[in-house]
Every structure is written in structure tokens, then in C-alpha cells.
Amino acid sequence: MEAKITKYLKEHLVGDYQIWFIVLLLNIFGLLIQFSTKSRMTMSGPFEPLTSIIKTIAILIASFYLMSWISRQNYIKITRFSNIFLFLSWGLILFAYFFGESKGGASRWINLGFVSFMPSDMAKLCLTASLAKIFSTRQADQSQYNIATAIVILILIGVTCFLIMLSNFSTSILIFMTSIVLMFFGRVPIKYISGIVGIVAFVAVMVVSLGIGQRAATVRSRIATFIMRVSEHDKSKLKEMNKSDENYQINLSKYAISTGALIPKGPGNSQYRYLLSQAESDFIYAIILEEYGLFMGILIPLFFLWFMWRGSSVIRYSGKPLGGLLSAGLTFSIVIQAFINMLVAVGAGPVTGQPLPMISAGGTSLVFTAISIGLILSISRDKEMETKI
């Protein structure tokens, strides 16, 4: 029996074992903290939070199965379809914008009945793969970059970011940051990087300034609120600012951290999970600090840094430029999203609505994170292939 289990694990858990270990621990801990945060949903229905927890476990199991399956596939064959799925995601983003399910004042979701699908998650993954393909064929000779190539890169990044920006500005910024990192790793000439960054940034400023899309006013408000919060010293004005919903949530997050960071309240004993509107997603890091203290608050970011190190290490031993670039882009996207979530929770950044990967509650976001990690694990198998050769 033991031999069969060992054989099964070796066949299905392929790739970098350190990445598997990190992902497994983060997801298990995420499930535990969600048991706590979702207890506030008892008033939502007679079967809550049991229904929500069962749904989360089912999605998590499906995600791990998908991750395992992708890790055993040839990532080069999978990325062949990235452009097709990127263009499809553009259409789905527009469909969600005009006909999708509205949450929090924005139409980002397509309701599939048992789960809501956010096309921007799909676009983020597909754009990373598409850019990695373009850059991988030009690694050896930078002269292959020309105006035509730069225009293609601009269109892919610009259209993706613009469409997502209409309803989800923070995700658009995250995708843009990942694209910039990929361009540097892809050795795109600095003149083209500067031009692409300048044009996309100009469009973003115009979208926010002219109030285009569903979130422009919210973005302006959140940026202004954050600037005032860190620069204002007048106590009476600060008290007035704290009455706004955004500042109210940030203050609750800080209270949760301050009451549990040094003397943890223990698993399931959080008080602020009942007050924070997004305790299971946007502000889950505050609940982690409240229940598990500063030790876990430091350990979580260290785990993400460890994940980044292992994902970046793939570049060193992957003999294929596509593998190194794709791993770098996907790893950076996951890790930077994690740190954005944690910085928001401690009040070091404006509210973005980004979940904490592998820990926050989620549906399709968990699935696409699993696909990304599956691809990283598949790329990490290049080392095994080299050893066998």
C-alpha cells in the first residue's frame, strides 16, 4: 500500500518539490483561515457557512488536480494556444462589462451558475504566455526587435490593460507591471519599452481623468484618500476622513492587526472578521495577524519570497528561453499580487481589491493561479529532462 502511494505521488507530483511544498502549505493554511473568516456568514442562510466551505474545498481539489495535470504536460504545446485564448478573453471581458454580473459597482464576472468567472484572470495568464513567446524568439538577437514588433507588443499589452481597466483598474496595473518585467527579461530595447510604457500610462491617466469606465471615479477617490491619509496631520480632518467607507475598512484592518500582532487571539477567535466587509479576501492578511500574530505575519511573506526564488531559479536551468521567460512572468505576477494585498491590509497602499493568492477565498482566481503554478512546475521539469539526457 505504501509503495503504491509513493508511486502515485511520484507520478503526479512532478517538477520542483519545493514549489509543491510551498503551494501545499499556503493552500492548507488558506483553508484554515477561511474556516474562521467565513463563520460570519452564518446569517446569510441556513446552510452557511457550510455550503461556502464545501464549495471552496471542491474548487481547491479541482485546482490541485488541474495543477498536477498541467505540470505533467509540455508547456510549449500549451502556450501555442495562448494568442487564441487571449483574444477570446478580450471578448469575454467586453461581454462581462456589458452583460456580466455586477459586484461592488463593477461588471467583471460572468455567472456560470455554480461559480462566477472573471475573464481578467484568463487574460492575465494568456498575455504573459503570448509575450513570453514573442520575446523568446528574439533573445539571441536584439536587432530582431523593430517598429512592427513594438506595435504588436503595444497592441497586446494596451488592449488587454485598457479593457480590464474599464472595470478593474488594480488588475490592469498588475498586468502592466508584469509586462514591464517581462520586457526587461526579454531584452526589449529600452527605447521600445519607454515608448510602450509612456503610451499605456498616458491612456490610463486619460481613462481615470475623463471618467471612462465603471471604476474611474473610485480610482480617483482611492488615490486621493490614500495621499490624504499619509500626508494629512490635522487630527480633525483625519477624523472626518475616517468616516468614509474605505478609510473605515482600512482602520478596522489596522485595529485587527494591532490587537493580535503581539498577543495572538488564536485560530477562530478573530473579532474583526465580523466587521471587515472582505475579511475572507481583500483583508485576510489582517485576520491572519489578529489570530496568529506577528510570527505568521512575517512567515507568509517569507513563503512568497521563497516561492519567487524557486520560480526564478527555473530560469537558470531551463534550456529554453520560453520556459525561463514564462516562469519569470507567472512567478512575478503571483508574488507581486500577494505583496499588494498585504501592503493594503497594513495601510501602506490604496485599496485595490486584490486577493492574497492561494490563501484568500476565490473561485476562478484559484483555478487560474493553479494553472500558472502548473506551468511553472512543468517548466521546472526541464532540469529533469537535462539530467536524463
Protein backbone atom coordinates (compact mmCIF):
# COMPACT_ATOMS: atom_id res chain seq x y z
CA MET A 1 0.00 0.00 0.00
CA GLU A 2 2.78 2.40 0.96
CA ALA A 3 4.64 1.60 -2.25
CA LYS A 4 1.54 2.35 -4.33
CA ILE A 5 1.04 5.71 -2.62
CA THR A 6 4.72 6.61 -3.15
CA LYS A 7 4.48 5.62 -6.82
CA TYR A 8 1.27 7.63 -7.28
CA LEU A 9 2.82 10.75 -5.72
CA LYS A 10 5.95 10.46 -7.84
CA GLU A 11 3.83 10.17 -10.97
CA HIS A 12 1.50 13.07 -10.16
CA LEU A 13 3.66 15.49 -8.14
CA VAL A 14 6.31 16.22 -10.75
CA GLY A 15 8.56 19.25 -11.01
CA ASP A 16 10.15 21.32 -8.27
CA TYR A 17 9.25 19.71 -4.93
CA GLN A 18 9.96 22.92 -3.02
CA ILE A 19 7.28 24.70 -5.05
CA TRP A 20 4.86 21.86 -4.33
CA PHE A 21 5.67 22.15 -0.61
CA ILE A 22 5.12 25.94 -0.56
CA VAL A 23 1.87 25.74 -2.52
CA LEU A 24 0.52 22.91 -0.39
CA LEU A 25 1.24 24.71 2.90
CA LEU A 26 -0.17 28.06 1.73
CA ASN A 27 -3.38 26.45 0.47
CA ILE A 28 -3.89 24.39 3.63
CA PHE A 29 -3.34 27.46 5.77
CA GLY A 30 -5.68 29.43 3.48
CA LEU A 31 -8.37 26.81 4.05
CA LEU A 32 -7.93 27.07 7.82
CA ILE A 33 -8.16 30.86 7.89
CA GLN A 34 -11.23 30.73 5.62
CA PHE A 35 -12.96 28.45 8.13
CA SER A 36 -12.56 31.34 10.55
CA THR A 37 -13.44 34.27 8.28
CA LYS A 38 -16.48 32.60 6.74
CA SER A 39 -18.07 31.92 10.11
CA ARG A 40 -19.50 35.44 9.84
CA MET A 41 -21.71 34.16 7.01
CA THR A 42 -23.98 32.24 9.41
CA MET A 43 -26.71 34.86 8.94
CA SER A 44 -26.61 34.51 5.12
CA GLY A 45 -28.65 31.31 5.09
CA PRO A 46 -29.46 28.09 6.99
CA PHE A 47 -26.60 26.16 5.35
CA GLU A 48 -23.93 28.83 5.65
CA PRO A 49 -21.00 28.87 6.06
CA LEU A 50 -21.00 25.09 5.43
CA THR A 51 -22.07 25.46 1.78
CA SER A 52 -19.40 28.06 1.08
CA ILE A 53 -16.67 25.99 2.76
CA ILE A 54 -17.64 22.82 0.85
CA LYS A 55 -17.58 24.82 -2.38
CA THR A 56 -14.10 26.16 -1.52
CA ILE A 57 -12.80 22.65 -0.77
CA ALA A 58 -14.25 21.35 -4.06
CA ILE A 59 -12.62 24.16 -6.06
CA LEU A 60 -9.33 23.61 -4.20
CA ILE A 61 -9.34 19.87 -5.00
CA ALA A 62 -10.14 20.60 -8.65
CA SER A 63 -7.37 23.22 -8.75
CA PHE A 64 -4.77 20.79 -7.38
CA TYR A 65 -5.83 18.15 -9.88
CA LEU A 66 -5.55 20.70 -12.71
CA MET A 67 -2.18 21.90 -11.40
CA SER A 68 -0.89 18.32 -11.29
CA TRP A 69 -2.16 17.57 -14.80
CA ILE A 70 -0.62 20.69 -16.34
CA SER A 71 2.69 20.09 -14.56
CA ARG A 72 2.96 16.77 -16.46
CA GLN A 73 2.29 18.36 -19.86
CA ASN A 74 4.64 20.02 -22.33
CA TYR A 75 4.27 23.74 -21.59
CA ILE A 76 5.43 24.61 -25.12
CA LYS A 77 2.42 22.82 -26.61
CA ILE A 78 0.08 24.53 -24.14
CA THR A 79 1.39 28.03 -24.91
CA ARG A 80 0.72 27.52 -28.64
CA PHE A 81 -2.89 28.42 -27.94
CA SER A 82 -2.14 31.50 -25.79
CA ASN A 83 -2.92 34.05 -28.51
CA ILE A 84 -6.26 32.43 -29.35
CA PHE A 85 -7.31 32.38 -25.70
CA LEU A 86 -6.04 35.95 -25.20
CA PHE A 87 -8.29 37.21 -28.00
CA LEU A 88 -11.14 35.14 -26.57
CA SER A 89 -10.56 36.72 -23.15
CA TRP A 90 -10.91 40.19 -24.72
CA GLY A 91 -14.37 39.24 -25.97
CA LEU A 92 -15.32 37.75 -22.61
CA ILE A 93 -14.15 40.90 -20.77
CA LEU A 94 -16.40 43.02 -23.01
CA PHE A 95 -19.27 40.58 -22.51
CA ALA A 96 -18.82 40.77 -18.73
CA TYR A 97 -18.63 44.57 -18.91
CA PHE A 98 -21.95 44.94 -20.73
CA PHE A 99 -23.90 41.85 -19.65
CA GLY A 100 -22.00 40.35 -16.72
CA GLU A 101 -22.75 40.11 -13.03
CA SER A 102 -22.13 43.34 -11.13
CA LYS A 103 -20.38 43.24 -7.75
CA GLY A 104 -19.03 46.22 -5.87
CA GLY A 105 -20.08 48.64 -8.58
CA ALA A 106 -18.29 46.86 -11.44
CA SER A 107 -19.26 44.20 -14.00
CA ARG A 108 -16.26 41.86 -14.00
CA TRP A 109 -17.91 38.46 -13.67
CA ILE A 110 -19.72 36.04 -15.94
CA ASN A 111 -22.08 33.92 -13.86
CA LEU A 112 -21.79 30.23 -14.76
CA GLY A 113 -24.32 29.15 -12.13
CA PHE A 114 -22.13 27.21 -9.70
CA VAL A 115 -19.29 29.73 -9.94
CA SER A 116 -18.61 33.23 -11.26
CA PHE A 117 -15.90 33.51 -13.90
CA MET A 118 -13.68 36.62 -14.11
CA PRO A 119 -12.20 36.86 -17.65
CA SER A 120 -9.41 39.20 -16.50
CA ASP A 121 -7.77 36.22 -14.73
CA MET A 122 -7.69 34.41 -18.04
CA ALA A 123 -6.34 37.48 -19.87
CA LYS A 124 -3.53 37.92 -17.32
CA LEU A 125 -2.28 34.37 -17.84
CA CYS A 126 -2.65 34.41 -21.64
CA LEU A 127 -0.93 37.78 -22.09
CA THR A 128 2.08 36.58 -20.07
CA ALA A 129 2.35 33.48 -22.27
CA SER A 130 1.91 35.47 -25.50
CA LEU A 131 4.61 38.00 -24.57
CA ALA A 132 6.97 35.22 -23.45
CA LYS A 133 6.60 33.60 -26.88
CA ILE A 134 7.42 36.84 -28.68
CA PHE A 135 10.47 37.59 -26.53
CA SER A 136 11.82 34.02 -26.51
CA THR A 137 12.43 34.06 -30.27
CA ARG A 138 14.45 37.29 -30.04
CA GLN A 139 16.72 36.57 -27.07
CA ALA A 140 19.83 35.92 -29.11
CA ASP A 141 19.49 38.90 -31.45
CA GLN A 142 18.03 42.21 -30.26
CA SER A 143 18.11 43.53 -33.82
CA GLN A 144 15.01 41.40 -34.47
CA TYR A 145 13.06 43.99 -32.48
CA ASN A 146 11.72 46.66 -34.80
CA ILE A 147 8.84 49.12 -35.01
CA ALA A 148 6.43 46.44 -36.26
CA THR A 149 7.26 44.13 -33.34
CA ALA A 150 6.95 47.01 -30.86
CA ILE A 151 3.49 47.84 -32.26
CA VAL A 152 2.38 44.21 -31.84
CA ILE A 153 3.62 44.22 -28.22
CA LEU A 154 1.88 47.57 -27.61
CA ILE A 155 -1.41 46.25 -29.00
CA LEU A 156 -1.31 43.08 -26.90
CA ILE A 157 -0.48 44.94 -23.68
CA GLY A 158 -2.51 48.07 -24.43
CA VAL A 159 -5.76 46.40 -25.45
CA THR A 160 -5.62 43.91 -22.54
CA CYS A 161 -4.92 46.61 -19.96
CA PHE A 162 -7.48 49.03 -21.40
CA LEU A 163 -10.33 46.50 -21.46
CA ILE A 164 -9.61 45.34 -17.91
CA MET A 165 -9.12 48.93 -16.74
CA LEU A 166 -12.75 49.72 -17.53
CA SER A 167 -13.95 47.60 -14.61
CA ASN A 168 -10.84 46.53 -12.66
CA PHE A 169 -8.08 49.14 -12.53
CA SER A 170 -5.85 47.36 -9.99
CA THR A 171 -5.69 44.14 -12.03
CA SER A 172 -4.84 46.20 -15.09
CA ILE A 173 -1.92 47.80 -13.21
CA LEU A 174 -0.74 44.38 -12.02
CA ILE A 175 -0.77 43.06 -15.59
CA PHE A 176 1.07 46.16 -16.81
CA MET A 177 3.78 45.73 -14.15
CA THR A 178 4.23 42.07 -15.11
CA SER A 179 4.50 43.06 -18.78
CA ILE A 180 7.24 45.60 -17.98
CA VAL A 181 9.23 42.97 -16.07
CA LEU A 182 8.85 40.55 -18.98
CA MET A 183 10.04 43.18 -21.46
CA PHE A 184 13.22 43.71 -19.45
CA PHE A 185 13.82 39.96 -19.14
CA GLY A 186 13.04 39.63 -22.86
CA ARG A 187 15.80 42.16 -23.67
CA VAL A 188 13.43 44.50 -25.47
CA PRO A 189 15.41 47.66 -26.39
CA ILE A 190 14.87 50.41 -23.83
CA LYS A 191 13.55 52.84 -26.48
CA TYR A 192 10.65 50.49 -27.23
CA ILE A 193 9.99 49.79 -23.54
CA SER A 194 9.90 53.55 -22.85
CA GLY A 195 7.52 54.16 -25.73
CA ILE A 196 5.13 51.34 -24.75
CA VAL A 197 5.16 52.35 -21.06
CA GLY A 198 4.59 56.02 -21.97
CA ILE A 199 1.64 55.31 -24.29
CA VAL A 200 -0.11 52.87 -21.93
CA ALA A 201 0.45 55.18 -18.94
CA PHE A 202 -0.97 58.14 -20.90
CA VAL A 203 -4.07 56.12 -21.82
CA ALA A 204 -4.51 55.06 -18.17
CA VAL A 205 -4.31 58.68 -16.97
CA MET A 206 -6.86 59.74 -19.60
CA VAL A 207 -9.24 56.91 -18.66
CA VAL A 208 -9.16 57.96 -14.99
CA SER A 209 -9.23 61.72 -15.69
CA LEU A 210 -12.12 61.55 -18.17
CA GLY A 211 -14.11 59.10 -16.06
CA ILE A 212 -14.17 56.36 -18.70
CA GLY A 213 -15.42 53.00 -17.45
CA GLN A 214 -17.05 51.88 -14.22
CA ARG A 215 -14.15 52.38 -11.81
CA ALA A 216 -12.58 55.71 -12.81
CA ALA A 217 -14.29 57.70 -10.05
CA THR A 218 -13.43 55.02 -7.48
CA VAL A 219 -9.77 55.01 -8.57
CA ARG A 220 -9.55 58.81 -8.24
CA SER A 221 -11.19 58.64 -4.82
CA ARG A 222 -8.94 55.86 -3.52
CA ILE A 223 -5.74 57.53 -4.71
CA ALA A 224 -6.79 60.88 -3.24
CA THR A 225 -7.83 59.21 0.02
CA PHE A 226 -4.52 57.38 0.32
CA ILE A 227 -2.49 60.55 -0.35
CA MET A 228 -4.51 62.49 2.22
CA ARG A 229 -4.23 59.66 4.75
CA VAL A 230 -0.43 59.59 4.63
CA SER A 231 0.11 63.34 4.31
CA GLU A 232 -2.61 64.92 6.46
CA HIS A 233 -1.59 65.86 10.03
CA ASP A 234 -4.69 67.74 11.12
CA LYS A 235 -6.48 65.42 13.59
CA SER A 236 -9.93 66.91 12.96
CA LYS A 237 -9.57 66.35 9.21
CA LEU A 238 -8.30 62.84 9.79
CA LYS A 239 -11.37 62.05 11.92
CA GLU A 240 -13.61 63.34 9.13
CA MET A 241 -11.75 61.24 6.57
CA ASN A 242 -12.09 58.14 8.71
CA LYS A 243 -15.86 58.28 8.32
CA SER A 244 -15.58 57.24 4.67
CA ASP A 245 -16.12 53.54 3.94
CA GLU A 246 -12.62 52.98 2.51
CA ASN A 247 -10.86 54.55 5.49
CA TYR A 248 -13.25 52.77 7.82
CA GLN A 249 -12.22 49.39 6.39
CA ILE A 250 -8.53 50.28 6.49
CA ASN A 251 -8.85 51.40 10.12
CA LEU A 252 -10.64 48.17 11.04
CA SER A 253 -7.80 46.26 9.39
CA LYS A 254 -5.25 48.20 11.45
CA TYR A 255 -7.25 47.60 14.64
CA ALA A 256 -7.32 43.86 13.90
CA ILE A 257 -3.54 43.86 13.42
CA SER A 258 -2.81 45.97 16.49
CA THR A 259 -4.96 43.81 18.79
CA GLY A 260 -3.44 40.49 17.70
CA ALA A 261 0.05 41.06 16.30
CA LEU A 262 1.88 40.79 19.61
CA ILE A 263 -0.68 38.73 21.55
CA PRO A 264 -2.46 36.48 19.02
CA LYS A 265 -6.11 35.72 19.72
CA GLY A 266 -5.78 32.20 18.36
CA PRO A 267 -7.40 30.35 15.43
CA GLY A 268 -11.09 31.15 15.07
CA ASN A 269 -11.09 33.90 17.68
CA SER A 270 -10.92 36.95 15.44
CA GLN A 271 -13.35 39.72 16.31
CA TYR A 272 -12.82 41.89 13.24
CA ARG A 273 -13.84 39.15 10.80
CA TYR A 274 -17.41 40.20 11.61
CA LEU A 275 -16.70 43.86 10.79
CA LEU A 276 -14.37 43.80 7.78
CA SER A 277 -16.50 43.56 4.65
CA GLN A 278 -13.91 41.47 2.75
CA ALA A 279 -12.34 39.57 5.64
CA GLU A 280 -12.04 36.36 3.60
CA SER A 281 -10.35 38.01 0.59
CA ASP A 282 -9.05 41.60 0.45
CA PHE A 283 -8.28 41.90 4.18
CA ILE A 284 -7.49 38.29 5.04
CA TYR A 285 -3.91 39.24 5.97
CA ALA A 286 -5.27 41.41 8.81
CA ILE A 287 -7.22 38.43 10.17
CA ILE A 288 -4.08 36.27 9.92
CA LEU A 289 -2.18 38.77 12.08
CA GLU A 290 -5.08 39.07 14.52
CA GLU A 291 -5.42 35.31 15.03
CA TYR A 292 -1.85 34.05 14.51
CA GLY A 293 0.25 37.08 15.41
CA LEU A 294 3.39 38.67 14.06
CA PHE A 295 5.16 35.34 13.59
CA MET A 296 2.71 34.18 10.93
CA GLY A 297 2.52 37.73 9.58
CA ILE A 298 6.24 37.51 8.78
CA LEU A 299 6.20 33.84 7.74
CA ILE A 300 3.59 34.34 4.99
CA PRO A 301 5.63 36.95 3.01
CA LEU A 302 8.75 34.80 3.52
CA PHE A 303 6.93 31.88 1.92
CA PHE A 304 6.06 34.05 -1.08
CA LEU A 305 9.68 35.20 -1.34
CA TRP A 306 10.72 31.55 -1.22
CA PHE A 307 8.21 30.83 -3.98
CA MET A 308 9.67 33.69 -6.06
CA TRP A 309 13.19 32.34 -5.55
CA ARG A 310 12.19 28.84 -6.68
CA GLY A 311 10.20 30.18 -9.64
CA SER A 312 13.08 32.43 -10.67
CA SER A 313 15.55 29.57 -10.26
CA VAL A 314 13.82 27.85 -13.17
CA ILE A 315 15.41 30.46 -15.45
CA ARG A 316 18.89 29.18 -14.58
CA TYR A 317 18.38 25.58 -15.62
CA SER A 318 15.68 25.87 -18.27
CA GLY A 319 17.43 25.41 -21.59
CA LYS A 320 14.55 27.07 -23.44
CA PRO A 321 14.12 30.89 -23.42
CA LEU A 322 10.33 30.46 -23.49
CA GLY A 323 10.41 28.46 -20.27
CA GLY A 324 12.57 30.96 -18.40
CA LEU A 325 10.51 33.98 -19.51
CA LEU A 326 7.16 32.32 -18.84
CA SER A 327 8.24 31.17 -15.38
CA ALA A 328 9.58 34.64 -14.52
CA GLY A 329 6.36 36.37 -15.64
CA LEU A 330 3.98 33.98 -13.88
CA THR A 331 6.03 33.93 -10.66
CA PHE A 332 6.30 37.72 -10.53
CA SER A 333 2.57 38.13 -11.15
CA ILE A 334 1.62 35.83 -8.25
CA VAL A 335 4.16 37.27 -5.79
CA ILE A 336 3.55 40.96 -6.55
CA GLN A 337 -0.21 40.40 -6.15
CA ALA A 338 0.45 38.82 -2.75
CA PHE A 339 2.52 41.76 -1.56
CA ILE A 340 -0.01 44.28 -2.88
CA ASN A 341 -2.71 42.54 -0.81
CA MET A 342 -0.54 42.57 2.34
CA LEU A 343 0.53 46.20 1.90
CA VAL A 344 -3.10 47.28 1.56
CA ALA A 345 -4.04 45.42 4.75
CA VAL A 346 -1.42 47.30 6.78
CA GLY A 347 -2.40 50.65 5.24
CA ALA A 348 0.73 51.04 3.08
CA GLY A 349 -1.20 51.37 -0.16
CA PRO A 350 -4.59 52.37 -1.57
CA VAL A 351 -7.37 49.76 -1.50
CA THR A 352 -7.09 47.59 -4.61
CA GLY A 353 -9.37 44.60 -4.13
CA GLN A 354 -6.59 42.11 -4.96
CA PRO A 355 -6.93 38.76 -3.12
CA LEU A 356 -3.99 37.01 -1.46
CA PRO A 357 -3.06 34.15 -3.85
CA MET A 358 -3.56 30.62 -2.51
CA ILE A 359 -4.92 31.97 0.79
CA SER A 360 -7.88 34.25 0.08
CA ALA A 361 -11.28 32.83 -0.84
CA GLY A 362 -11.85 32.64 -4.56
CA GLY A 363 -13.32 30.70 -7.44
CA THR A 364 -11.78 31.09 -10.87
CA SER A 365 -8.89 33.08 -9.37
CA LEU A 366 -7.82 29.87 -7.58
CA VAL A 367 -8.15 27.92 -10.81
CA PHE A 368 -6.02 30.31 -12.88
CA THR A 369 -3.44 30.55 -10.10
CA ALA A 370 -3.29 26.73 -10.18
CA ILE A 371 -2.81 26.80 -13.97
CA SER A 372 0.02 29.32 -13.59
CA ILE A 373 1.76 27.22 -10.93
CA GLY A 374 1.20 24.08 -13.02
CA LEU A 375 3.03 25.76 -15.92
CA ILE A 376 5.90 26.80 -13.60
CA LEU A 377 6.17 23.18 -12.39
CA SER A 378 6.11 21.95 -15.98
CA ILE A 379 8.95 24.33 -16.85
CA SER A 380 10.90 23.17 -13.78
CA ARG A 381 10.93 19.68 -15.33
CA ASP A 382 13.43 20.98 -17.89
CA LYS A 383 16.09 20.28 -15.26
CA GLU A 384 14.97 16.66 -15.00
CA MET A 385 14.99 16.33 -18.80
CA GLU A 386 18.52 17.74 -18.99
CA THR A 387 19.65 15.25 -16.32
CA LYS A 388 18.14 12.34 -18.25
CA ILE A 389 19.78 13.48 -21.49
